Amino acid sequence: MPSTAATQVLSLVTTVGGEDDARRLASALLDQRLAACVQVDRLESHYRWEGALCAEAEWRLTVKSAPDKLAALQAFLATQHPYELPQVVWQLLEATPAYAAWVRGEVDGLSAR
């Protein structure tokens, strides 16, 4: 099936250091209708920061939104994210027309469900 705006969903991923921050960001994203869904899960990140090897527990937020909300999501995270240099990566996903419509309805405030 060819890609169309009607079947595209934005998936944006970021991480934070604690469950409280993850829940705070998830709630705010939903409240501001920047996300239709935010999945939160715990993981361990291994990385190099300022020359030192690090291994830290983190919480990953996977944000499902509409593609046209990307700039607003980036602006939100620039002011609300607790990290100095947060991971903010995204991709466009193909979804069923029904799921993509649900996402669009949630972020546009048009959902009847």
C-alpha atoms as a PDB file:
ATOM      1  CA  MET A   1       0.000   0.000   0.000  1.00  0.00           C
ATOM      2  CA  PRO A   2       1.495   3.385  -0.921  1.00  0.00           C
ATOM      3  CA  SER A   3       2.168   5.862   1.857  1.00  0.00           C
ATOM      4  CA  THR A   4      -0.333   8.661   2.331  1.00  0.00           C
ATOM      5  CA  ALA A   5      -0.862  11.293   4.974  1.00  0.00           C
ATOM      6  CA  ALA A   6      -3.985   9.375   5.975  1.00  0.00           C
ATOM      7  CA  THR A   7      -1.906   6.379   7.097  1.00  0.00           C
ATOM      8  CA  GLN A   8       1.139   8.082   8.628  1.00  0.00           C
ATOM      9  CA  VAL A   9       1.814   8.280  12.362  1.00  0.00           C
ATOM     10  CA  LEU A  10       4.750  10.038  13.984  1.00  0.00           C
ATOM     11  CA  SER A  11       6.666   7.985  16.550  1.00  0.00           C
ATOM     12  CA  LEU A  12       9.016  10.088  18.704  1.00  0.00           C
ATOM     13  CA  VAL A  13      11.298   8.597  21.351  1.00  0.00           C
ATOM     14  CA  THR A  14      13.018  10.258  24.286  1.00  0.00           C
ATOM     15  CA  THR A  15      14.434   9.069  27.601  1.00  0.00           C
ATOM     16  CA  VAL A  16      14.487  10.481  31.121  1.00  0.00           C
ATOM     17  CA  GLY A  17      16.233   9.437  34.311  1.00  0.00           C
ATOM     18  CA  GLY A  18      13.231   8.743  36.516  1.00  0.00           C
ATOM     19  CA  GLU A  19       9.706   7.446  36.587  1.00  0.00           C
ATOM     20  CA  ASP A  20       8.312  10.725  37.952  1.00  0.00           C
ATOM     21  CA  ASP A  21       9.751  12.690  35.015  1.00  0.00           C
ATOM     22  CA  ALA A  22       8.429  10.086  32.569  1.00  0.00           C
ATOM     23  CA  ARG A  23       4.923  10.253  34.005  1.00  0.00           C
ATOM     24  CA  ARG A  24       5.002  14.071  34.173  1.00  0.00           C
ATOM     25  CA  LEU A  25       6.008  14.396  30.534  1.00  0.00           C
ATOM     26  CA  ALA A  26       3.531  11.738  29.385  1.00  0.00           C
ATOM     27  CA  SER A  27       0.651  13.454  31.178  1.00  0.00           C
ATOM     28  CA  ALA A  28       1.594  16.890  29.868  1.00  0.00           C
ATOM     29  CA  LEU A  29       1.904  15.625  26.285  1.00  0.00           C
ATOM     30  CA  LEU A  30      -1.563  14.090  26.499  1.00  0.00           C
ATOM     31  CA  ASP A  31      -3.065  17.113  28.261  1.00  0.00           C
ATOM     32  CA  GLN A  32      -1.711  19.464  25.596  1.00  0.00           C
ATOM     33  CA  ARG A  33      -2.903  17.112  22.824  1.00  0.00           C
ATOM     34  CA  LEU A  34       0.609  16.737  21.465  1.00  0.00           C
ATOM     35  CA  ALA A  35       0.266  12.958  21.719  1.00  0.00           C
ATOM     36  CA  ALA A  36      -2.475  10.408  21.269  1.00  0.00           C
ATOM     37  CA  CYS A  37      -0.529   7.804  23.241  1.00  0.00           C
ATOM     38  CA  VAL A  38       2.703   7.730  25.245  1.00  0.00           C
ATOM     39  CA  GLN A  39       4.216   4.364  26.045  1.00  0.00           C
ATOM     40  CA  VAL A  40       6.602   4.334  29.019  1.00  0.00           C
ATOM     41  CA  ASP A  41       9.046   1.564  29.800  1.00  0.00           C
ATOM     42  CA  ARG A  42      12.149   1.129  31.946  1.00  0.00           C
ATOM     43  CA  LEU A  43      15.520   0.283  30.421  1.00  0.00           C
ATOM     44  CA  GLU A  44      19.249   0.561  30.999  1.00  0.00           C
ATOM     45  CA  SER A  45      21.339   2.873  28.810  1.00  0.00           C
ATOM     46  CA  HIS A  46      25.071   2.485  28.236  1.00  0.00           C
ATOM     47  CA  TYR A  47      26.843   5.494  26.754  1.00  0.00           C
ATOM     48  CA  ARG A  48      29.858   7.781  26.916  1.00  0.00           C
ATOM     49  CA  TRP A  49      29.297  11.255  28.411  1.00  0.00           C
ATOM     50  CA  GLU A  50      32.074  13.828  28.761  1.00  0.00           C
ATOM     51  CA  GLY A  51      34.680  11.101  28.286  1.00  0.00           C
ATOM     52  CA  ALA A  52      33.325   8.698  30.908  1.00  0.00           C
ATOM     53  CA  LEU A  53      31.537   5.424  30.283  1.00  0.00           C
ATOM     54  CA  CYS A  54      28.110   5.411  31.921  1.00  0.00           C
ATOM     55  CA  ALA A  55      25.400   2.850  32.591  1.00  0.00           C
ATOM     56  CA  GLU A  56      22.173   4.276  33.965  1.00  0.00           C
ATOM     57  CA  ALA A  57      18.582   3.243  34.476  1.00  0.00           C
ATOM     58  CA  GLU A  58      16.288   5.330  32.302  1.00  0.00           C
ATOM     59  CA  TRP A  59      12.663   5.520  31.282  1.00  0.00           C
ATOM     60  CA  ARG A  60      11.830   5.563  27.565  1.00  0.00           C
ATOM     61  CA  LEU A  61       8.828   7.487  26.293  1.00  0.00           C
ATOM     62  CA  THR A  62       7.515   6.489  22.876  1.00  0.00           C
ATOM     63  CA  VAL A  63       5.142   9.206  21.746  1.00  0.00           C
ATOM     64  CA  LYS A  64       2.548   8.520  19.043  1.00  0.00           C
ATOM     65  CA  SER A  65       1.343  11.655  17.319  1.00  0.00           C
ATOM     66  CA  ALA A  66       0.476  13.211  13.987  1.00  0.00           C
ATOM     67  CA  PRO A  67       3.368  14.155  11.689  1.00  0.00           C
ATOM     68  CA  ASP A  68       2.409  17.843  11.726  1.00  0.00           C
ATOM     69  CA  LYS A  69       2.925  17.955  15.517  1.00  0.00           C
ATOM     70  CA  LEU A  70       6.690  17.383  15.260  1.00  0.00           C
ATOM     71  CA  ALA A  71       7.705  21.052  15.642  1.00  0.00           C
ATOM     72  CA  ALA A  72       5.377  21.498  18.633  1.00  0.00           C
ATOM     73  CA  LEU A  73       6.752  18.313  20.241  1.00  0.00           C
ATOM     74  CA  GLN A  74      10.317  19.544  19.764  1.00  0.00           C
ATOM     75  CA  ALA A  75       9.448  22.938  21.269  1.00  0.00           C
ATOM     76  CA  PHE A  76       7.719  21.271  24.238  1.00  0.00           C
ATOM     77  CA  LEU A  77      10.695  19.005  24.936  1.00  0.00           C
ATOM     78  CA  ALA A  78      13.157  21.894  24.580  1.00  0.00           C
ATOM     79  CA  THR A  79      11.511  23.577  27.575  1.00  0.00           C
ATOM     80  CA  GLN A  80      10.165  20.629  29.605  1.00  0.00           C
ATOM     81  CA  HIS A  81      12.792  17.889  29.285  1.00  0.00           C
ATOM     82  CA  PRO A  82      15.037  17.548  32.357  1.00  0.00           C
ATOM     83  CA  TYR A  83      18.210  16.573  30.442  1.00  0.00           C
ATOM     84  CA  GLU A  84      20.839  19.020  29.213  1.00  0.00           C
ATOM     85  CA  LEU A  85      21.045  17.097  25.917  1.00  0.00           C
ATOM     86  CA  PRO A  86      18.000  14.848  25.562  1.00  0.00           C
ATOM     87  CA  GLN A  87      17.654  12.086  23.053  1.00  0.00           C
ATOM     88  CA  VAL A  88      14.852  13.131  20.718  1.00  0.00           C
ATOM     89  CA  VAL A  89      14.536  10.880  17.672  1.00  0.00           C
ATOM     90  CA  TRP A  90      11.551  10.211  15.465  1.00  0.00           C
ATOM     91  CA  GLN A  91      10.299   8.388  12.443  1.00  0.00           C
ATOM     92  CA  LEU A  92       7.188   8.258  10.350  1.00  0.00           C
ATOM     93  CA  LEU A  93       5.355   4.969  10.588  1.00  0.00           C
ATOM     94  CA  GLU A  94       2.727   3.466   8.355  1.00  0.00           C
ATOM     95  CA  ALA A  95      -0.423   2.549  10.242  1.00  0.00           C
ATOM     96  CA  THR A  96      -3.831   1.219   9.462  1.00  0.00           C
ATOM     97  CA  PRO A  97      -6.149   3.993   8.306  1.00  0.00           C
ATOM     98  CA  ALA A  98      -8.288   3.463  11.421  1.00  0.00           C
ATOM     99  CA  TYR A  99      -5.365   3.814  13.851  1.00  0.00           C
ATOM    100  CA  ALA A 100      -3.944   6.833  12.013  1.00  0.00           C
ATOM    101  CA  ALA A 101      -7.388   8.456  12.116  1.00  0.00           C
ATOM    102  CA  TRP A 102      -7.621   7.786  15.861  1.00  0.00           C
ATOM    103  CA  VAL A 103      -4.210   9.409  16.433  1.00  0.00           C
ATOM    104  CA  ARG A 104      -5.212  12.429  14.340  1.00  0.00           C
ATOM    105  CA  GLY A 105      -8.536  12.732  16.187  1.00  0.00           C
ATOM    106  CA  GLU A 106      -6.822  12.637  19.581  1.00  0.00           C
ATOM    107  CA  VAL A 107      -4.244  15.314  18.833  1.00  0.00           C
ATOM    108  CA  ASP A 108      -6.772  17.502  17.034  1.00  0.00           C
ATOM    109  CA  GLY A 109      -9.312  17.116  19.831  1.00  0.00           C
ATOM    110  CA  LEU A 110     -11.885  15.555  17.533  1.00  0.00           C
ATOM    111  CA  SER A 111     -12.025  12.067  19.000  1.00  0.00           C
ATOM    112  CA  ALA A 112     -15.482  10.834  19.902  1.00  0.00           C
ATOM    113  CA  ARG A 113     -14.148   7.771  21.743  1.00  0.00           C
END
